[in-house]
């Protein structure tokens, strides 16, 4: 992994600015694994990536209950997964994770829930809360 940046965001707007920096670098086949506790800001970061790549999209809901939301960016589809409710990694196959890996960019919240199914080459985003702030650390494959 190569460190891209580690910066503090004080609100959702600053989180979106950092997410846009990542969005500009993404290409087909990229998998972005987002780590952080419940409420740390994983969905807010994903929302920033999606809005940067799909400016016409008005609503970017959390996929907590649907497990997957898809969006059409100009260059590729975006698959936004929330794996929190999975009971086994194999359940990810049922929601089409293999096709998503091959066809577009995947944003995966709670990637630890899919274990060995997470590709070895992936972006790693860690979001840690520090009071009202978020420390966002972004690493990409070497």
Protein backbone atom coordinates (compact mmCIF):
# COMPACT_ATOMS: atom_id res chain seq x y z
CA UNK A 1 0.00 0.00 0.00
CA UNK A 2 1.05 3.56 -0.75
CA UNK A 3 -0.12 6.39 1.49
CA UNK A 4 -2.08 8.93 -0.55
CA UNK A 5 -2.96 11.22 2.35
CA UNK A 6 -3.97 11.31 5.99
CA UNK A 7 -5.98 14.42 6.81
CA UNK A 8 -8.55 15.70 9.28
CA UNK A 9 -12.04 16.64 8.09
CA UNK A 10 -14.09 18.80 10.44
CA UNK A 11 -17.45 18.28 8.71
CA UNK A 12 -19.21 16.50 5.85
CA UNK A 13 -18.22 19.21 3.33
CA UNK A 14 -14.52 18.67 4.07
CA UNK A 15 -15.07 14.91 3.89
CA UNK A 16 -16.57 15.40 0.42
CA UNK A 17 -13.53 17.41 -0.72
CA UNK A 18 -11.21 14.58 0.37
CA UNK A 19 -13.49 12.03 -1.30
CA UNK A 20 -13.36 14.00 -4.55
CA UNK A 21 -9.54 13.76 -4.51
CA UNK A 22 -9.89 9.98 -4.42
CA UNK A 23 -12.69 9.93 -7.02
CA UNK A 24 -10.46 11.62 -9.62
CA UNK A 25 -8.01 8.72 -9.41
CA UNK A 26 -10.44 5.80 -9.66
CA UNK A 27 -10.76 3.58 -12.71
CA UNK A 28 -12.56 0.40 -13.76
CA UNK A 29 -11.64 -2.51 -11.52
CA UNK A 30 -10.77 -0.41 -8.48
CA UNK A 31 -12.12 -1.61 -5.16
CA UNK A 32 -12.28 0.87 -2.30
CA UNK A 33 -12.53 -0.69 1.17
CA UNK A 34 -13.77 1.71 3.86
CA UNK A 35 -13.01 0.93 7.50
CA UNK A 36 -14.35 2.73 10.55
CA UNK A 37 -16.75 2.35 13.43
CA UNK A 38 -20.49 2.82 13.13
CA UNK A 39 -21.13 6.49 12.39
CA UNK A 40 -17.50 7.31 11.58
CA UNK A 41 -18.34 8.72 8.15
CA UNK A 42 -17.92 5.86 5.68
CA UNK A 43 -21.20 6.61 3.93
CA UNK A 44 -20.43 10.35 3.87
CA UNK A 45 -17.12 9.58 2.15
CA UNK A 46 -18.84 7.30 -0.38
CA UNK A 47 -21.44 9.98 -1.00
CA UNK A 48 -18.61 12.42 -1.81
CA UNK A 49 -17.03 10.00 -4.30
CA UNK A 50 -20.37 9.30 -5.99
CA UNK A 51 -21.34 12.96 -6.24
CA UNK A 52 -17.92 13.83 -7.68
CA UNK A 53 -18.30 11.19 -10.40
CA UNK A 54 -22.07 11.52 -10.94
CA UNK A 55 -22.87 15.22 -10.50
CA UNK A 56 -26.46 14.82 -11.73
CA UNK A 57 -27.31 12.38 -8.93
CA UNK A 58 -29.46 14.09 -6.31
CA UNK A 59 -29.92 11.35 -3.71
CA UNK A 60 -27.18 9.07 -2.44
CA UNK A 61 -28.82 6.91 0.21
CA UNK A 62 -26.95 4.54 2.47
CA UNK A 63 -27.19 0.95 1.23
CA UNK A 64 -27.47 -0.36 4.80
CA UNK A 65 -30.78 -2.09 4.16
CA UNK A 66 -30.56 -2.69 0.41
CA UNK A 67 -26.89 -3.82 0.66
CA UNK A 68 -26.14 -2.29 -2.76
CA UNK A 69 -26.80 0.95 -4.63
CA UNK A 70 -25.55 1.45 -8.19
CA UNK A 71 -24.74 4.63 -10.10
CA UNK A 72 -23.68 5.33 -13.69
CA UNK A 73 -20.62 7.57 -13.89
CA UNK A 74 -19.43 8.75 -17.31
CA UNK A 75 -16.59 6.19 -17.51
CA UNK A 76 -17.90 3.26 -15.44
CA UNK A 77 -20.62 2.05 -13.09
CA UNK A 78 -20.17 2.57 -9.37
CA UNK A 79 -21.27 -0.15 -6.95
CA UNK A 80 -21.78 1.05 -3.37
CA UNK A 81 -21.95 -1.92 -1.01
CA UNK A 82 -22.70 -1.96 2.70
CA UNK A 83 -21.75 -5.38 4.04
CA UNK A 84 -22.70 -4.69 7.68
CA UNK A 85 -25.69 -7.05 7.68
CA UNK A 86 -23.99 -10.00 5.96
CA UNK A 87 -23.80 -13.13 8.06
CA UNK A 88 -21.20 -14.90 5.86
CA UNK A 89 -18.79 -13.65 3.17
CA UNK A 90 -20.47 -15.93 0.61
CA UNK A 91 -23.65 -13.83 0.81
CA UNK A 92 -21.75 -11.20 -1.19
CA UNK A 93 -21.98 -13.48 -4.23
CA UNK A 94 -25.78 -13.26 -4.01
CA UNK A 95 -25.67 -9.49 -4.50
CA UNK A 96 -23.33 -9.69 -7.50
CA UNK A 97 -19.98 -8.73 -6.06
CA UNK A 98 -17.98 -10.73 -8.65
CA UNK A 99 -19.57 -8.87 -11.58
CA UNK A 100 -19.14 -5.56 -9.79
CA UNK A 101 -15.41 -6.19 -9.30
CA UNK A 102 -15.00 -6.75 -13.05
CA UNK A 103 -17.35 -4.09 -14.43
CA UNK A 104 -16.82 -0.91 -12.45
CA UNK A 105 -15.61 0.73 -9.28
CA UNK A 106 -16.69 -0.78 -5.95
CA UNK A 107 -17.07 1.19 -2.73
CA UNK A 108 -17.35 -1.29 0.12
CA UNK A 109 -18.36 -0.33 3.64
CA UNK A 110 -17.58 -2.97 6.28
CA UNK A 111 -15.16 -4.92 4.00
CA UNK A 112 -14.08 -7.09 6.92
CA UNK A 113 -17.44 -8.86 6.54
CA UNK A 114 -16.39 -10.32 3.17
CA UNK A 115 -13.03 -11.60 4.40
CA UNK A 116 -11.02 -13.38 1.71
CA UNK A 117 -13.37 -12.17 -1.04
CA UNK A 118 -11.84 -8.69 -0.80
CA UNK A 119 -9.29 -8.43 -3.63
CA UNK A 120 -5.66 -8.18 -2.50
CA UNK A 121 -5.25 -5.05 -4.64
CA UNK A 122 -7.63 -2.50 -3.18
CA UNK A 123 -7.73 1.04 -1.90
CA UNK A 124 -7.91 1.20 1.89
CA UNK A 125 -9.67 4.11 3.55
CA UNK A 126 -9.69 4.29 7.31
CA UNK A 127 -11.89 6.83 9.06
CA UNK A 128 -11.31 7.47 12.74
CA UNK A 129 -13.39 9.83 14.82
CA UNK A 130 -11.54 12.37 16.92
CA UNK A 131 -14.19 14.24 18.86
CA UNK A 132 -16.27 16.03 16.21
CA UNK A 133 -13.55 15.54 13.58
CA UNK A 134 -12.59 12.63 11.34
CA UNK A 135 -9.07 11.50 10.56
CA UNK A 136 -9.25 10.10 7.03
CA UNK A 137 -6.32 7.98 5.88
CA UNK A 138 -6.22 6.86 2.25
CA UNK A 139 -3.90 4.18 0.92
CA UNK A 140 -3.85 2.75 -2.59
CA UNK A 141 -2.30 -0.38 -4.09
CA UNK A 142 1.38 -0.12 -4.93
